[in-house]
Amino acid sequence: MKIDVRTVYHCEHCKKISLSKGAMTLHEDKCRFNPLNRSYCIGCKHLLVEAVEYSNTDEEFTGVRPRRKFTCNIDGKVMCHPKIRTFSKERQELIMSISQKIMPNMNEECRFYEDAGIPF
């Protein structure tokens, strides 16, 4: 009988496991259950979500074609998802060129938040 004793790394936010510390570190940073990646605005009655399509000929938005536009009805600013922090610097700059602020994440919260009462 052969027995291997290994170190197993567990994600702090979901059930994923890995034998590689580096791979788990990368996963945890981008994990969809990480509170830093979860938008506090989703479920707020002040969030306006619009479907948006950018044409393929529009060179300004090459590589960035959001399917939804998030706007805060309190300040009227166009927002992007907090997971932008995990993107490359170039992609962050492209997204911020069409957004005015980043949505608060679950750790930051928002003083204007009001539950929209949408069941998930």
C-alpha atoms as a PDB file:
ATOM      1  CA  MET A   1       0.000   0.000   0.000  1.00  0.00           C
ATOM      2  CA  LYS A   2       1.270   3.459  -0.890  1.00  0.00           C
ATOM      3  CA  ILE A   3       0.323   6.493   1.211  1.00  0.00           C
ATOM      4  CA  ASP A   4       1.014  10.083   0.144  1.00  0.00           C
ATOM      5  CA  VAL A   5       0.914  12.860   2.676  1.00  0.00           C
ATOM      6  CA  ARG A   6       0.490  16.203   0.934  1.00  0.00           C
ATOM      7  CA  THR A   7      -0.479  19.726   1.775  1.00  0.00           C
ATOM      8  CA  VAL A   8      -3.904  20.556   0.358  1.00  0.00           C
ATOM      9  CA  TYR A   9      -4.985  24.175  -0.020  1.00  0.00           C
ATOM     10  CA  HIS A  10      -8.660  25.076   0.426  1.00  0.00           C
ATOM     11  CA  CYS A  11     -10.356  28.224  -0.898  1.00  0.00           C
ATOM     12  CA  GLU A  12     -11.649  30.373   1.965  1.00  0.00           C
ATOM     13  CA  HIS A  13     -14.734  31.317  -0.069  1.00  0.00           C
ATOM     14  CA  CYS A  14     -15.868  28.119  -1.818  1.00  0.00           C
ATOM     15  CA  LYS A  15     -15.218  24.374  -1.763  1.00  0.00           C
ATOM     16  CA  LYS A  16     -12.368  24.332  -4.291  1.00  0.00           C
ATOM     17  CA  ILE A  17      -9.143  22.571  -3.285  1.00  0.00           C
ATOM     18  CA  SER A  18      -5.680  22.501  -4.863  1.00  0.00           C
ATOM     19  CA  LEU A  19      -2.281  20.955  -4.278  1.00  0.00           C
ATOM     20  CA  SER A  20      -0.643  24.165  -5.492  1.00  0.00           C
ATOM     21  CA  LYS A  21      -0.457  27.192  -3.196  1.00  0.00           C
ATOM     22  CA  GLY A  22       0.077  29.533  -6.155  1.00  0.00           C
ATOM     23  CA  ALA A  23      -2.930  28.212  -8.041  1.00  0.00           C
ATOM     24  CA  MET A  24      -5.119  28.564  -4.941  1.00  0.00           C
ATOM     25  CA  THR A  25      -3.893  32.129  -4.350  1.00  0.00           C
ATOM     26  CA  LEU A  26      -4.861  33.036  -7.935  1.00  0.00           C
ATOM     27  CA  HIS A  27      -8.223  31.283  -7.550  1.00  0.00           C
ATOM     28  CA  GLU A  28      -9.095  33.026  -4.270  1.00  0.00           C
ATOM     29  CA  ASP A  29      -8.368  36.431  -5.815  1.00  0.00           C
ATOM     30  CA  LYS A  30     -10.873  35.774  -8.623  1.00  0.00           C
ATOM     31  CA  CYS A  31     -13.323  33.500  -6.778  1.00  0.00           C
ATOM     32  CA  ARG A  32     -16.906  34.602  -7.368  1.00  0.00           C
ATOM     33  CA  PHE A  33     -17.703  33.996  -3.688  1.00  0.00           C
ATOM     34  CA  ASN A  34     -14.920  36.328  -2.506  1.00  0.00           C
ATOM     35  CA  PRO A  35     -16.643  39.338  -0.845  1.00  0.00           C
ATOM     36  CA  LEU A  36     -14.227  41.682  -2.636  1.00  0.00           C
ATOM     37  CA  ASN A  37     -15.643  40.414  -5.963  1.00  0.00           C
ATOM     38  CA  ARG A  38     -19.314  40.563  -4.969  1.00  0.00           C
ATOM     39  CA  SER A  39     -21.142  43.761  -5.788  1.00  0.00           C
ATOM     40  CA  TYR A  40     -23.097  45.360  -2.972  1.00  0.00           C
ATOM     41  CA  CYS A  41     -25.284  47.170  -5.527  1.00  0.00           C
ATOM     42  CA  ILE A  42     -26.876  44.031  -6.959  1.00  0.00           C
ATOM     43  CA  GLY A  43     -30.320  43.888  -5.368  1.00  0.00           C
ATOM     44  CA  CYS A  44     -30.478  47.630  -4.612  1.00  0.00           C
ATOM     45  CA  LYS A  45     -33.536  49.546  -5.818  1.00  0.00           C
ATOM     46  CA  HIS A  46     -31.287  52.438  -6.928  1.00  0.00           C
ATOM     47  CA  LEU A  47     -29.414  50.283  -9.468  1.00  0.00           C
ATOM     48  CA  LEU A  48     -30.513  50.795 -13.067  1.00  0.00           C
ATOM     49  CA  VAL A  49     -29.425  47.994 -15.403  1.00  0.00           C
ATOM     50  CA  GLU A  50     -29.630  48.599 -19.158  1.00  0.00           C
ATOM     51  CA  ALA A  51     -28.797  46.226 -21.998  1.00  0.00           C
ATOM     52  CA  VAL A  52     -26.143  47.841 -24.197  1.00  0.00           C
ATOM     53  CA  GLU A  53     -24.560  46.727 -27.454  1.00  0.00           C
ATOM     54  CA  TYR A  54     -21.518  48.387 -28.947  1.00  0.00           C
ATOM     55  CA  SER A  55     -20.953  47.999 -32.680  1.00  0.00           C
ATOM     56  CA  ASN A  56     -17.906  46.067 -33.860  1.00  0.00           C
ATOM     57  CA  THR A  57     -16.798  49.071 -35.910  1.00  0.00           C
ATOM     58  CA  ASP A  58     -16.473  51.316 -32.865  1.00  0.00           C
ATOM     59  CA  GLU A  59     -12.703  51.306 -32.287  1.00  0.00           C
ATOM     60  CA  GLU A  60     -12.962  53.077 -28.931  1.00  0.00           C
ATOM     61  CA  PHE A  61     -14.470  49.965 -27.333  1.00  0.00           C
ATOM     62  CA  THR A  62     -12.359  47.287 -29.031  1.00  0.00           C
ATOM     63  CA  GLY A  63     -11.960  44.397 -26.628  1.00  0.00           C
ATOM     64  CA  VAL A  64     -14.518  45.750 -24.168  1.00  0.00           C
ATOM     65  CA  ARG A  65     -18.136  45.063 -25.061  1.00  0.00           C
ATOM     66  CA  PRO A  66     -20.250  45.077 -21.906  1.00  0.00           C
ATOM     67  CA  ARG A  67     -23.647  43.491 -22.230  1.00  0.00           C
ATOM     68  CA  ARG A  68     -25.095  45.521 -19.400  1.00  0.00           C
ATOM     69  CA  LYS A  69     -24.698  49.106 -18.249  1.00  0.00           C
ATOM     70  CA  PHE A  70     -25.025  49.714 -14.507  1.00  0.00           C
ATOM     71  CA  THR A  71     -26.076  53.184 -13.358  1.00  0.00           C
ATOM     72  CA  CYS A  72     -26.670  54.419  -9.819  1.00  0.00           C
ATOM     73  CA  ASN A  73     -29.899  56.445  -9.665  1.00  0.00           C
ATOM     74  CA  ILE A  74     -28.589  58.360  -6.620  1.00  0.00           C
ATOM     75  CA  ASP A  75     -25.646  60.065  -8.333  1.00  0.00           C
ATOM     76  CA  GLY A  76     -26.315  59.140 -11.991  1.00  0.00           C
ATOM     77  CA  LYS A  77     -22.846  57.631 -12.441  1.00  0.00           C
ATOM     78  CA  VAL A  78     -22.118  54.650 -14.682  1.00  0.00           C
ATOM     79  CA  MET A  79     -20.517  51.862 -12.640  1.00  0.00           C
ATOM     80  CA  CYS A  80     -18.473  48.770 -13.362  1.00  0.00           C
ATOM     81  CA  HIS A  81     -18.302  45.541 -11.361  1.00  0.00           C
ATOM     82  CA  PRO A  82     -15.786  45.324  -8.472  1.00  0.00           C
ATOM     83  CA  LYS A  83     -14.138  42.284 -10.063  1.00  0.00           C
ATOM     84  CA  ILE A  84     -12.382  44.762 -12.395  1.00  0.00           C
ATOM     85  CA  ARG A  85      -9.543  44.809  -9.829  1.00  0.00           C
ATOM     86  CA  THR A  86      -8.532  41.308 -11.012  1.00  0.00           C
ATOM     87  CA  PHE A  87      -8.198  42.377 -14.677  1.00  0.00           C
ATOM     88  CA  SER A  88      -5.030  43.470 -16.471  1.00  0.00           C
ATOM     89  CA  LYS A  89      -4.070  47.154 -16.260  1.00  0.00           C
ATOM     90  CA  GLU A  90      -4.952  47.714 -19.946  1.00  0.00           C
ATOM     91  CA  ARG A  91      -8.389  46.140 -19.567  1.00  0.00           C
ATOM     92  CA  GLN A  92      -9.053  48.143 -16.384  1.00  0.00           C
ATOM     93  CA  GLU A  93      -8.240  51.359 -18.242  1.00  0.00           C
ATOM     94  CA  LEU A  94     -10.567  50.437 -21.122  1.00  0.00           C
ATOM     95  CA  ILE A  95     -13.433  49.655 -18.771  1.00  0.00           C
ATOM     96  CA  MET A  96     -12.874  52.789 -16.685  1.00  0.00           C
ATOM     97  CA  SER A  97     -12.950  54.863 -19.897  1.00  0.00           C
ATOM     98  CA  ILE A  98     -16.666  54.010 -20.200  1.00  0.00           C
ATOM     99  CA  SER A  99     -17.414  53.894 -16.450  1.00  0.00           C
ATOM    100  CA  GLN A 100     -17.337  56.622 -13.833  1.00  0.00           C
ATOM    101  CA  LYS A 101     -16.855  54.532 -10.690  1.00  0.00           C
ATOM    102  CA  ILE A 102     -16.503  50.997  -9.376  1.00  0.00           C
ATOM    103  CA  MET A 103     -19.485  49.479  -7.554  1.00  0.00           C
ATOM    104  CA  PRO A 104     -18.863  49.042  -3.827  1.00  0.00           C
ATOM    105  CA  ASN A 105     -18.105  45.447  -2.854  1.00  0.00           C
ATOM    106  CA  MET A 106     -19.637  43.540   0.054  1.00  0.00           C
ATOM    107  CA  ASN A 107     -16.933  44.801   2.436  1.00  0.00           C
ATOM    108  CA  GLU A 108     -17.374  48.488   1.540  1.00  0.00           C
ATOM    109  CA  GLU A 109     -21.180  48.703   1.491  1.00  0.00           C
ATOM    110  CA  CYS A 110     -23.136  51.853   0.556  1.00  0.00           C
ATOM    111  CA  ARG A 111     -25.085  54.253   2.752  1.00  0.00           C
ATOM    112  CA  PHE A 112     -27.817  54.632   0.089  1.00  0.00           C
ATOM    113  CA  TYR A 113     -28.512  50.892  -0.261  1.00  0.00           C
ATOM    114  CA  GLU A 114     -32.206  49.960  -0.182  1.00  0.00           C
ATOM    115  CA  ASP A 115     -33.305  46.408  -0.798  1.00  0.00           C
ATOM    116  CA  ALA A 116     -35.220  46.039  -4.053  1.00  0.00           C
ATOM    117  CA  GLY A 117     -36.967  42.946  -2.710  1.00  0.00           C
ATOM    118  CA  ILE A 118     -35.908  40.782  -5.653  1.00  0.00           C
ATOM    119  CA  PRO A 119     -35.893  37.081  -4.677  1.00  0.00           C
ATOM    120  CA  PHE A 120     -32.862  35.150  -5.860  1.00  0.00           C
END
